[in-house]
Protein backbone atom coordinates (compact mmCIF):
# COMPACT_ATOMS: atom_id res chain seq x y z
CA UNK A 1 11.14 -16.28 -20.83
CA UNK A 2 14.49 -18.12 -21.29
CA UNK A 3 15.29 -21.59 -20.36
CA UNK A 4 18.84 -22.90 -20.32
CA UNK A 5 20.88 -25.71 -18.55
CA UNK A 6 23.17 -23.15 -16.54
CA UNK A 7 22.00 -20.36 -14.19
CA UNK A 8 24.48 -17.83 -15.52
CA UNK A 9 23.27 -18.50 -19.07
CA UNK A 10 19.67 -17.95 -18.01
CA UNK A 11 20.69 -14.84 -15.98
CA UNK A 12 22.43 -13.37 -19.04
CA UNK A 13 19.48 -14.09 -21.31
CA UNK A 14 16.90 -12.60 -18.76
CA UNK A 15 19.04 -9.39 -18.51
CA UNK A 16 18.97 -8.93 -22.31
CA UNK A 17 15.14 -9.42 -22.40
CA UNK A 18 14.66 -6.91 -19.54
CA UNK A 19 16.71 -4.34 -21.49
CA UNK A 20 14.39 -4.73 -24.57
CA UNK A 21 16.36 -7.37 -26.45
CA UNK A 22 14.45 -9.93 -28.29
CA UNK A 23 14.48 -13.80 -28.15
CA UNK A 24 17.40 -13.93 -30.61
CA UNK A 25 19.46 -11.59 -28.57
CA UNK A 26 18.60 -13.46 -25.33
CA UNK A 27 19.71 -16.73 -27.07
CA UNK A 28 23.05 -15.35 -28.27
CA UNK A 29 23.92 -13.84 -24.90
CA UNK A 30 23.10 -17.09 -23.04
CA UNK A 31 24.83 -19.26 -25.59
CA UNK A 32 27.97 -17.07 -25.25
CA UNK A 33 27.97 -17.35 -21.60
CA UNK A 34 27.54 -21.04 -21.68
CA UNK A 35 30.38 -21.32 -24.01
CA UNK A 36 32.61 -20.05 -21.15
CA UNK A 37 30.98 -21.69 -18.14
CA UNK A 38 30.33 -25.04 -19.46
CA UNK A 39 33.45 -25.50 -21.58
CA UNK A 40 33.19 -29.16 -22.13
CA UNK A 41 29.80 -28.97 -23.61
CA UNK A 42 29.91 -25.95 -25.97
CA UNK A 43 32.07 -23.26 -27.29
CA UNK A 44 33.05 -21.06 -30.19
CA UNK A 45 35.07 -24.08 -31.53
CA UNK A 46 31.76 -25.80 -32.08
CA UNK A 47 28.64 -25.69 -34.18
CA UNK A 48 25.11 -24.44 -33.97
CA UNK A 49 21.56 -24.89 -35.34
CA UNK A 50 18.61 -22.80 -34.61
CA UNK A 51 14.86 -22.60 -35.33
CA UNK A 52 13.27 -19.22 -35.20
CA UNK A 53 9.34 -18.58 -35.24
CA UNK A 54 7.26 -15.37 -34.93
CA UNK A 55 4.05 -15.74 -32.89
CA UNK A 56 2.31 -16.36 -36.06
CA UNK A 57 3.92 -17.35 -39.33
CA UNK A 58 6.52 -19.65 -40.82
CA UNK A 59 9.38 -21.31 -38.95
CA UNK A 60 12.89 -20.63 -40.14
CA UNK A 61 15.92 -22.93 -39.78
CA UNK A 62 19.40 -21.95 -39.54
CA UNK A 63 22.29 -24.31 -40.26
CA UNK A 64 25.50 -23.30 -38.55
CA UNK A 65 27.33 -26.48 -38.88
CA UNK A 66 30.91 -26.52 -40.06
CA UNK A 67 32.61 -28.29 -43.08
CA UNK A 68 35.51 -30.59 -43.55
CA UNK A 69 38.65 -29.17 -44.91
CA UNK A 70 38.88 -28.93 -48.68
CA UNK A 71 41.70 -31.48 -48.60
CA UNK A 72 39.85 -33.97 -46.63
CA UNK A 73 39.21 -37.20 -48.52
CA UNK A 74 39.15 -40.72 -47.53
CA UNK A 75 42.33 -41.43 -49.31
CA UNK A 76 44.12 -38.42 -47.51
CA UNK A 77 42.94 -39.75 -44.13
CA UNK A 78 43.96 -43.35 -45.00
CA UNK A 79 47.41 -42.00 -46.09
CA UNK A 80 47.55 -40.21 -42.54
CA UNK A 81 46.98 -43.60 -40.75
CA UNK A 82 43.21 -43.24 -40.16
CA UNK A 83 41.37 -46.52 -40.10
CA UNK A 84 37.77 -47.37 -40.27
CA UNK A 85 36.76 -44.57 -37.77
CA UNK A 86 38.19 -41.07 -37.12
CA UNK A 87 39.25 -40.83 -33.51
CA UNK A 88 37.75 -38.19 -31.32
CA UNK A 89 41.19 -36.61 -30.56
CA UNK A 90 42.55 -36.59 -34.00
CA UNK A 91 42.88 -33.23 -35.86
CA UNK A 92 40.89 -34.92 -38.51
CA UNK A 93 38.01 -34.86 -36.28
CA UNK A 94 37.99 -31.21 -36.30
CA UNK A 95 35.66 -29.74 -38.81
CA UNK A 96 35.89 -25.80 -39.35
CA UNK A 97 33.67 -24.40 -36.40
CA UNK A 98 30.29 -22.91 -37.62
CA UNK A 99 29.00 -21.53 -34.44
CA UNK A 100 30.49 -18.02 -34.63
CA UNK A 101 29.12 -17.67 -38.36
CA UNK A 102 25.70 -18.79 -37.01
CA UNK A 103 25.86 -16.24 -34.16
CA UNK A 104 26.66 -13.51 -36.52
CA UNK A 105 24.13 -14.34 -38.95
CA UNK A 106 21.33 -14.59 -36.47
CA UNK A 107 22.33 -11.19 -35.08
CA UNK A 108 22.70 -9.43 -38.37
CA UNK A 109 19.34 -10.72 -39.65
CA UNK A 110 17.04 -10.79 -36.43
CA UNK A 111 19.05 -9.21 -33.58
CA UNK A 112 18.12 -5.89 -31.86
CA UNK A 113 20.78 -4.86 -29.30
CA UNK A 114 24.54 -4.54 -30.32
CA UNK A 115 26.67 -7.63 -30.44
CA UNK A 116 28.99 -6.13 -28.00
CA UNK A 117 26.10 -5.95 -25.51
CA UNK A 118 25.12 -9.71 -26.09
CA UNK A 119 28.72 -10.92 -25.47
CA UNK A 120 29.40 -8.63 -22.60
CA UNK A 121 28.62 -11.12 -19.70
CA UNK A 122 30.44 -13.91 -21.52
CA UNK A 123 33.61 -11.80 -21.78
CA UNK A 124 33.38 -10.80 -18.20
CA UNK A 125 33.03 -14.55 -17.01
CA UNK A 126 35.90 -15.58 -19.25
CA UNK A 127 38.22 -12.84 -18.08
CA UNK A 128 37.32 -12.49 -14.27
CA UNK A 129 36.32 -15.99 -13.78
CA UNK A 130 33.15 -17.83 -12.92
CA UNK A 131 31.98 -20.44 -10.35
CA UNK A 132 31.75 -24.04 -11.54
CA UNK A 133 28.41 -25.54 -10.85
CA UNK A 134 27.69 -29.07 -9.68
CA UNK A 135 26.69 -30.70 -12.90
CA UNK A 136 29.55 -28.96 -14.82
CA UNK A 137 32.10 -30.26 -12.18
CA UNK A 138 30.75 -33.80 -12.43
CA UNK A 139 30.84 -33.90 -16.28
CA UNK A 140 34.26 -32.24 -16.22
CA UNK A 141 35.66 -35.00 -14.03
CA UNK A 142 34.26 -37.70 -16.26
CA UNK A 143 35.81 -36.19 -19.40
CA UNK A 144 39.28 -35.14 -17.97
CA UNK A 145 41.17 -37.95 -19.84
CA UNK A 146 40.64 -36.21 -23.35
CA UNK A 147 42.15 -32.90 -22.27
CA UNK A 148 44.81 -34.64 -20.30
CA UNK A 149 46.28 -35.85 -23.71
CA UNK A 150 46.76 -32.12 -25.04
CA UNK A 151 49.44 -29.84 -23.21
CA UNK A 152 47.50 -26.56 -23.64
CA UNK A 153 44.03 -28.20 -22.80
CA UNK A 154 45.57 -29.85 -19.64
CA UNK A 155 47.09 -26.55 -18.55
CA UNK A 156 43.76 -24.77 -18.73
CA UNK A 157 41.41 -27.59 -17.55
CA UNK A 158 43.31 -29.54 -15.18
CA UNK A 159 43.21 -30.28 -12.34
CA UNK A 160 39.52 -30.78 -12.36
CA UNK A 161 37.80 -27.99 -10.35
CA UNK A 162 35.49 -28.87 -7.46
CA UNK A 163 31.91 -27.51 -7.53
CA UNK A 164 32.25 -23.91 -6.09
CA UNK A 165 35.73 -23.27 -7.48
CA UNK A 166 36.46 -20.40 -9.78
CA UNK A 167 37.78 -20.86 -13.24
CA UNK A 168 38.74 -18.29 -15.89
CA UNK A 169 39.67 -18.42 -19.70
CA UNK A 170 41.45 -15.11 -20.48
CA UNK A 171 42.33 -15.97 -24.15
CA UNK A 172 38.66 -17.04 -24.63
CA UNK A 173 37.79 -13.48 -23.30
CA UNK A 174 40.03 -12.14 -26.10
CA UNK A 175 38.39 -14.11 -28.81
CA UNK A 176 34.95 -13.09 -27.72
CA UNK A 177 36.01 -9.38 -27.59
CA UNK A 178 37.38 -9.83 -31.04
CA UNK A 179 34.12 -11.26 -32.33
CA UNK A 180 32.12 -8.41 -30.59
CA UNK A 181 34.28 -5.85 -32.42
CA UNK A 182 34.76 -7.47 -35.75
CA UNK A 183 32.02 -9.92 -36.11
CA UNK A 184 32.71 -13.30 -37.79
CA UNK A 185 35.74 -12.00 -39.69
CA UNK A 186 37.40 -11.50 -36.31
CA UNK A 187 37.32 -15.30 -35.96
CA UNK A 188 37.55 -16.84 -39.35
CA UNK A 189 40.14 -14.24 -40.82
CA UNK A 190 43.27 -12.53 -39.94
CA UNK A 191 45.65 -13.68 -37.21
CA UNK A 192 43.20 -15.56 -35.17
CA UNK A 193 42.37 -17.96 -38.15
CA UNK A 194 46.11 -18.12 -39.07
CA UNK A 195 47.12 -19.29 -35.82
CA UNK A 196 44.22 -21.76 -35.44
CA UNK A 197 45.08 -23.33 -38.77
CA UNK A 198 48.91 -23.45 -37.95
CA UNK A 199 48.16 -25.30 -34.81
CA UNK A 200 45.84 -27.83 -36.42
CA UNK A 201 48.37 -28.40 -39.21
CA UNK A 202 51.16 -28.86 -36.61
CA UNK A 203 49.23 -31.98 -35.52
CA UNK A 204 48.64 -33.33 -38.89
CA UNK A 205 45.37 -31.61 -39.74
CA UNK A 206 44.50 -30.87 -43.42
CA UNK A 207 43.02 -27.41 -42.72
CA UNK A 208 43.94 -24.23 -44.66
CA UNK A 209 43.25 -20.59 -43.94
CA UNK A 210 40.99 -20.54 -46.96
CA UNK A 211 38.77 -23.25 -45.26
CA UNK A 212 38.29 -20.80 -42.42
CA UNK A 213 37.85 -17.72 -44.61
CA UNK A 214 35.13 -19.44 -46.48
CA UNK A 215 33.36 -20.11 -43.18
CA UNK A 216 32.83 -16.53 -42.36
CA UNK A 217 29.50 -16.45 -44.24
CA UNK A 218 29.03 -20.19 -43.87
CA UNK A 219 25.85 -20.27 -41.81
CA UNK A 220 22.70 -20.05 -43.96
CA UNK A 221 18.91 -20.18 -43.75
CA UNK A 222 17.19 -23.32 -44.86
CA UNK A 223 13.64 -24.69 -44.90
CA UNK A 224 12.65 -26.95 -41.92
CA UNK A 225 11.29 -30.32 -42.23
CA UNK A 226 8.00 -31.19 -40.37
CA UNK A 227 5.60 -33.90 -39.55
CA UNK A 228 2.19 -33.83 -37.89
CA UNK A 229 1.65 -35.47 -34.67
CA UNK A 230 -1.83 -35.70 -32.98
CA UNK A 231 -2.70 -32.35 -34.62
CA UNK A 232 0.43 -30.58 -33.91
CA UNK A 233 3.12 -29.71 -36.42
CA UNK A 234 6.61 -30.60 -35.25
CA UNK A 235 9.59 -28.77 -37.02
CA UNK A 236 13.07 -29.82 -37.22
CA UNK A 237 16.28 -28.71 -39.24
CA UNK A 238 16.76 -30.82 -42.18
CA UNK A 239 19.72 -33.09 -43.01
CA UNK A 240 22.76 -32.91 -42.09
CA UNK A 241 20.96 -32.91 -38.63
CA UNK A 242 19.30 -35.95 -37.19
CA UNK A 243 15.86 -34.17 -36.69
CA UNK A 244 14.41 -36.56 -39.45
CA UNK A 245 15.10 -39.48 -37.05
CA UNK A 246 12.92 -37.67 -34.30
CA UNK A 247 10.01 -37.21 -36.85
CA UNK A 248 10.34 -40.91 -37.84
CA UNK A 249 9.89 -42.04 -34.35
CA UNK A 250 6.96 -39.76 -33.70
CA UNK A 251 5.18 -40.96 -36.88
CA UNK A 252 5.84 -44.53 -35.82
CA UNK A 253 4.46 -44.20 -32.38
CA UNK A 254 1.40 -42.24 -33.52
CA UNK A 255 -0.27 -45.41 -34.45
CA UNK A 256 -0.21 -46.58 -30.83
CA UNK A 257 -2.24 -45.47 -27.97
CA UNK A 258 0.56 -43.92 -26.03
CA UNK A 259 -1.56 -42.40 -23.45
CA UNK A 260 -3.30 -45.77 -22.55
CA UNK A 261 -0.37 -48.21 -22.75
CA UNK A 262 1.08 -49.46 -19.52
CA UNK A 263 4.75 -48.01 -18.80
CA UNK A 264 6.50 -51.21 -20.11
CA UNK A 265 4.32 -51.19 -23.21
CA UNK A 266 4.90 -47.63 -23.78
CA UNK A 267 8.72 -47.84 -23.36
CA UNK A 268 8.86 -50.99 -25.55
CA UNK A 269 7.09 -49.08 -28.47
CA UNK A 270 9.43 -46.15 -28.06
CA UNK A 271 12.61 -48.49 -27.93
CA UNK A 272 11.41 -50.30 -31.05
CA UNK A 273 10.62 -47.05 -32.94
CA UNK A 274 13.90 -45.67 -31.89
CA UNK A 275 15.78 -48.67 -33.28
CA UNK A 276 14.17 -48.39 -36.52
CA UNK A 277 14.65 -44.66 -36.91
CA UNK A 278 18.29 -44.77 -35.91
CA UNK A 279 18.98 -47.63 -38.28
CA UNK A 280 17.76 -45.45 -41.08
CA UNK A 281 19.66 -42.46 -39.80
CA UNK A 282 22.92 -44.22 -39.68
CA UNK A 283 22.50 -45.78 -43.21
CA UNK A 284 21.04 -42.74 -45.12
CA UNK A 285 21.77 -39.45 -43.33
CA UNK A 286 24.58 -37.06 -44.28
CA UNK A 287 24.95 -33.70 -45.78
CA UNK A 288 22.03 -32.00 -47.52
CA UNK A 289 23.53 -32.69 -50.81
CA UNK A 290 23.36 -36.40 -50.28
CA UNK A 291 19.79 -36.55 -48.83
CA UNK A 292 17.70 -35.01 -51.60
CA UNK A 293 14.08 -36.11 -51.08
CA UNK A 294 15.03 -38.39 -48.16
CA UNK A 295 12.64 -36.81 -45.66
CA UNK A 296 9.64 -37.05 -48.02
CA UNK A 297 10.41 -40.70 -48.69
CA UNK A 298 10.90 -41.78 -45.13
CA UNK A 299 7.83 -39.74 -43.94
CA UNK A 300 5.60 -41.13 -46.53
CA UNK A 301 2.58 -43.26 -45.44
CA UNK A 302 4.10 -46.33 -47.04
CA UNK A 303 7.31 -46.05 -45.13
CA UNK A 304 5.67 -45.34 -41.88
CA UNK A 305 3.33 -48.13 -42.22
CA UNK A 306 6.25 -50.57 -43.13
CA UNK A 307 8.23 -49.46 -40.09
CA UNK A 308 5.22 -49.50 -37.66
CA UNK A 309 4.26 -52.91 -38.72
CA UNK A 310 7.70 -54.29 -37.76
CA UNK A 311 7.02 -53.74 -34.07
CA UNK A 312 6.07 -56.74 -32.16
CA UNK A 313 4.64 -55.93 -28.82
CA UNK A 314 5.74 -59.29 -27.39
CA UNK A 315 9.40 -59.08 -28.16
CA UNK A 316 12.19 -56.78 -29.02
CA UNK A 317 13.18 -57.00 -32.60
CA UNK A 318 16.43 -56.04 -34.62
CA UNK A 319 15.90 -52.93 -36.89
CA UNK A 320 15.65 -53.02 -40.68
CA UNK A 321 15.42 -50.44 -43.41
CA UNK A 322 11.81 -50.02 -44.48
CA UNK A 323 12.34 -50.85 -48.25
CA UNK A 324 14.71 -53.81 -47.94
CA UNK A 325 13.60 -57.33 -47.87
CA UNK A 326 12.73 -58.93 -44.52
CA UNK A 327 15.35 -61.23 -43.17
CA UNK A 328 25.33 -45.31 -32.00
CA UNK A 329 27.43 -33.46 -25.77
CA UNK A 330 25.84 -30.32 -25.99
CA UNK A 331 23.85 -27.38 -24.69
CA UNK A 332 20.26 -26.53 -25.61
CA UNK A 333 18.34 -23.38 -24.79
CA UNK A 334 15.18 -21.48 -25.75
CA UNK A 335 13.75 -18.11 -25.47
CA UNK A 336 10.25 -16.31 -26.09
CA UNK A 337 10.31 -12.59 -26.15
CA UNK A 338 7.45 -10.05 -25.43
CA UNK A 339 6.44 -10.07 -29.25
CA UNK A 340 6.05 -13.91 -29.19
CA UNK A 341 9.22 -14.50 -31.29
CA UNK A 342 10.56 -17.74 -30.25
CA UNK A 343 14.07 -19.30 -30.69
CA UNK A 344 15.07 -22.94 -30.27
CA UNK A 345 18.89 -22.94 -30.17
CA UNK A 346 21.53 -25.66 -29.83
CA UNK A 347 25.27 -25.31 -29.73
CA UNK A 348 27.87 -28.13 -29.25
CA UNK A 349 31.47 -29.36 -29.42
CA UNK A 350 30.11 -32.83 -29.79
CA UNK A 351 32.06 -35.08 -27.18
CA UNK A 352 32.89 -33.78 -23.70
CA UNK A 353 35.61 -31.25 -24.43
CA UNK A 354 35.20 -32.03 -28.02
CA UNK A 355 38.47 -33.09 -29.73
CA UNK A 356 40.39 -32.10 -26.60
CA UNK A 357 42.62 -29.94 -28.98
CA UNK A 358 43.22 -26.55 -27.59
CA UNK A 359 45.02 -23.79 -29.58
CA UNK A 360 47.41 -22.30 -27.01
CA UNK A 361 47.72 -19.15 -28.80
CA UNK A 362 43.95 -18.30 -29.43
CA UNK A 363 42.42 -20.28 -26.48
CA UNK A 364 39.97 -21.99 -28.91
CA UNK A 365 39.00 -25.49 -27.94
CA UNK A 366 38.04 -27.40 -31.19
CA UNK A 367 35.06 -29.61 -31.58
CA UNK A 368 35.23 -33.31 -32.64
CA UNK A 369 32.20 -33.36 -35.12
CA UNK A 370 34.30 -34.90 -37.94
CA UNK A 371 34.47 -38.02 -35.92
CA UNK A 372 30.89 -38.54 -37.12
CA UNK A 373 32.00 -38.97 -40.83
CA UNK A 374 32.27 -42.45 -42.21
CA UNK A 375 35.29 -43.78 -43.78
CA UNK A 376 33.14 -45.79 -46.37
CA UNK A 377 33.22 -44.70 -49.98
CA UNK A 378 29.74 -43.92 -51.36
CA UNK A 379 28.14 -43.50 -47.92
CA UNK A 380 26.01 -40.45 -47.60
CA UNK A 381 28.05 -39.50 -44.58
CA UNK A 382 31.44 -40.37 -45.99
CA UNK A 383 34.06 -37.70 -45.45
CA UNK A 384 34.76 -35.41 -48.44
CA UNK A 385 35.98 -32.00 -49.18
CA UNK A 386 33.96 -29.25 -47.82
CA UNK A 387 31.21 -31.65 -46.51
CA UNK A 388 29.17 -31.24 -43.33
CA UNK A 389 28.92 -34.44 -41.31
CA UNK A 390 25.65 -35.84 -39.91
CA UNK A 391 24.88 -34.11 -36.73
CA UNK A 392 23.26 -35.15 -33.57
CA UNK A 393 22.37 -31.70 -32.34
CA UNK A 394 18.67 -30.74 -33.15
CA UNK A 395 16.47 -27.83 -31.97
CA UNK A 396 12.83 -28.45 -32.04
CA UNK A 397 9.71 -26.29 -32.52
CA UNK A 398 6.08 -27.00 -32.23
CA UNK A 399 3.26 -25.09 -34.07
CA UNK A 400 -0.48 -25.62 -34.37
CA UNK A 401 -2.71 -23.91 -36.97
CA UNK A 402 0.13 -21.54 -37.97
CA UNK A 403 0.67 -20.45 -34.40
CA UNK A 404 3.82 -21.24 -32.52
CA UNK A 405 3.24 -23.36 -29.51
CA UNK A 406 6.56 -24.33 -28.04
CA UNK A 407 10.29 -24.22 -28.70
CA UNK A 408 11.89 -27.27 -27.11
CA UNK A 409 15.11 -29.42 -27.21
CA UNK A 410 16.96 -32.20 -25.53
CA UNK A 411 20.62 -32.68 -24.91
CA UNK A 412 22.44 -35.82 -24.66
CA UNK A 413 24.43 -36.74 -27.81
CA UNK A 414 22.84 -39.66 -29.59
CA UNK A 415 19.81 -39.75 -27.35
CA UNK A 416 18.52 -36.46 -28.75
CA UNK A 417 16.25 -37.70 -31.50
CA UNK A 418 14.77 -40.31 -29.14
CA UNK A 419 14.54 -37.65 -26.32
CA UNK A 420 12.55 -35.31 -28.57
CA UNK A 421 9.89 -37.98 -29.28
CA UNK A 422 9.66 -39.14 -25.65
CA UNK A 423 9.21 -35.79 -24.33
CA UNK A 424 6.71 -34.75 -26.92
CA UNK A 425 4.66 -37.83 -26.35
CA UNK A 426 4.72 -37.31 -22.60
CA UNK A 427 3.28 -33.78 -23.02
CA UNK A 428 0.95 -34.28 -25.91
CA UNK A 429 -0.19 -37.80 -25.16
CA UNK A 430 -0.28 -38.05 -21.53
CA UNK A 431 -0.69 -34.36 -20.65
CA UNK A 432 2.27 -34.03 -18.41
CA UNK A 433 3.64 -30.58 -17.53
CA UNK A 434 6.89 -29.61 -19.18
CA UNK A 435 8.73 -30.24 -15.95
CA UNK A 436 7.10 -33.34 -15.07
CA UNK A 437 7.81 -34.71 -18.75
CA UNK A 438 11.58 -33.72 -18.33
CA UNK A 439 11.94 -35.32 -14.91
CA UNK A 440 10.47 -38.77 -15.66
CA UNK A 441 13.01 -41.67 -15.69
CA UNK A 442 14.46 -42.03 -19.12
CA UNK A 443 15.31 -44.98 -21.42
CA UNK A 444 17.16 -45.21 -24.61
CA UNK A 445 17.50 -48.05 -26.91
CA UNK A 446 21.15 -47.84 -28.52
CA UNK A 447 23.88 -50.37 -29.37
CA UNK A 448 21.98 -53.38 -28.67
CA UNK A 449 20.94 -52.54 -25.23
CA UNK A 450 18.10 -50.60 -23.36
CA UNK A 451 19.77 -47.96 -21.19
CA UNK A 452 17.45 -47.02 -18.33
CA UNK A 453 17.97 -44.41 -15.57
CA UNK A 454 18.19 -45.37 -11.95
CA UNK A 455 14.58 -44.17 -11.21
CA UNK A 456 12.97 -46.66 -13.59
CA UNK A 457 10.77 -49.14 -11.54
CA UNK A 458 11.95 -52.53 -11.11
CA UNK A 459 8.84 -54.24 -12.42
CA UNK A 460 8.93 -52.13 -15.63
CA UNK A 461 12.52 -53.22 -16.19
CA UNK A 462 11.65 -56.95 -15.52
CA UNK A 463 8.72 -56.80 -18.10
CA UNK A 464 11.07 -55.28 -20.71
CA UNK A 465 13.63 -57.95 -20.10
CA UNK A 466 11.13 -60.56 -20.62
CA UNK A 467 10.45 -59.21 -24.15
CA UNK A 468 14.23 -59.55 -24.99
CA UNK A 469 15.50 -56.08 -24.11
CA UNK A 470 19.10 -56.16 -22.61
CA UNK A 471 18.73 -53.74 -19.78
CA UNK A 472 21.69 -51.53 -18.88
CA UNK A 473 21.20 -49.50 -15.70
CA UNK A 474 22.91 -46.26 -15.97
CA UNK A 475 25.07 -44.74 -13.15
CA UNK A 476 24.33 -41.20 -13.98
CA UNK A 477 21.60 -38.98 -15.69
CA UNK A 478 20.62 -39.32 -19.46
CA UNK A 479 20.47 -36.08 -21.34
CA UNK A 480 18.77 -32.96 -20.36
CA UNK A 481 15.98 -30.64 -21.82
CA UNK A 482 14.52 -27.22 -21.96
CA UNK A 483 11.10 -25.98 -23.28
CA UNK A 484 8.77 -23.12 -23.18
CA UNK A 485 5.07 -23.49 -23.95
CA UNK A 486 3.13 -20.50 -25.09
CA UNK A 487 -0.45 -20.39 -23.68
CA UNK A 488 -3.10 -17.61 -23.63
CA UNK A 489 -1.16 -14.96 -21.92
CA UNK A 490 0.97 -17.38 -19.99
CA UNK A 491 4.52 -18.91 -20.61
CA UNK A 492 5.11 -22.29 -19.01
CA UNK A 493 8.88 -23.19 -18.82
CA UNK A 494 10.81 -26.13 -17.97
CA UNK A 495 14.45 -26.77 -17.30
CA UNK A 496 15.73 -30.27 -16.78
CA UNK A 497 16.55 -31.20 -13.02
CA UNK A 498 19.56 -33.24 -14.31
CA UNK A 499 21.17 -30.02 -15.04
CA UNK A 500 22.16 -26.83 -13.29
CA UNK A 501 19.94 -24.46 -15.21
CA UNK A 502 16.40 -22.89 -14.89
CA UNK A 503 13.58 -21.49 -16.88
CA UNK A 504 12.93 -17.80 -15.88
CA UNK A 505 10.83 -15.02 -17.17
CA UNK A 506 9.83 -11.53 -16.68
């Protein structure tokens, strides 16, 4: 089975499984297709994380996130006119893309079918054109301003296509063919890398060809972090991803009867736990080198008890660090193959259309992940040479007693960690099916407000407002999700109705 947020991606993954490919093959084929047909969410100019688990045995994590240029320092960016934050459209927001390195590492270590076969459908869609789906068309329209500012991006992505229109990216087809033939070196070395670097430098970027060369083998396997929730082990990639925030939320809410609480009470607990976890994320998370021992400290019994104790069921409270005195876009997919191998996979260019910077010679649209860096000396997430920024994209995996139970993930930028916890609580605590858990109206405590989707009942919103939550009703959907639950001889899949995709199996 494969579950993605785009029908063409699901179709590509399913065809690979039907030909005897494994879950890694299916995930790579699907991700490559989505890099073409959902260009504002993902691409080869972005980053990737993955969790891989056999039917029984340890979970592995792959970090495929890119690094800042070797010349990137706070002082250099200040000299270039960058203030307290790195703008999305700045070349300084472009970290060296890590996705292609991750794809090729996954394929070399665990793939079964040839890379050229896995990229075949993506190449065809990019060369011959693909039909724009309704959700992609909506998102495209909402993000058009960022590409309008870049001549090459505007020429490719504007005017905004209507749902049902055809769109092609022939230069992207060439890049994918290059990767299929040459592997990661076809992207990070030679003429392609030189052209990307030259374009970024022409805009004021600090990138060098050596930065790209080093990224050829940049993706690497790391040990996941995990926490126990109601008898299930929840696995996340370690920092620089924000998976630790998802585990924090889960451990905090584990002390409440989430199954028995009234809807307003349950949402209140989730909101308060989210504020606490994200406060810690923003203060403490960054590259792995700056986070040694952080997961152990924050997930300790003392830390969780202190955080949980700060939740007042009667009113919304400001967050605080647990050890201090009292007084802020993406595609996700998953696959399970005939041998029980599970892959939880996420790929992103961060904001809609990333940085909006398109290299006119290579057709590569660059991510904006560097906008996550802080311009604060000494901060764990301060920009520095070769450093990876804190990432919002997080794949998830559930195991129990050493057996893999469910690859899952939630899209939606900053919402993802909160979305992981909300989805798992709905499935584990309240026994909802995967699809029902995904389709429930969502809420998200962020930036001093409680965002709620249009389907949230009025009486629930009123009860939350009485506790001090500032209710902000969203005009559109919040995030998206996919999951596959492994039962006894049965796979149950879900794909968020907010997106265009599907879960489909053989």
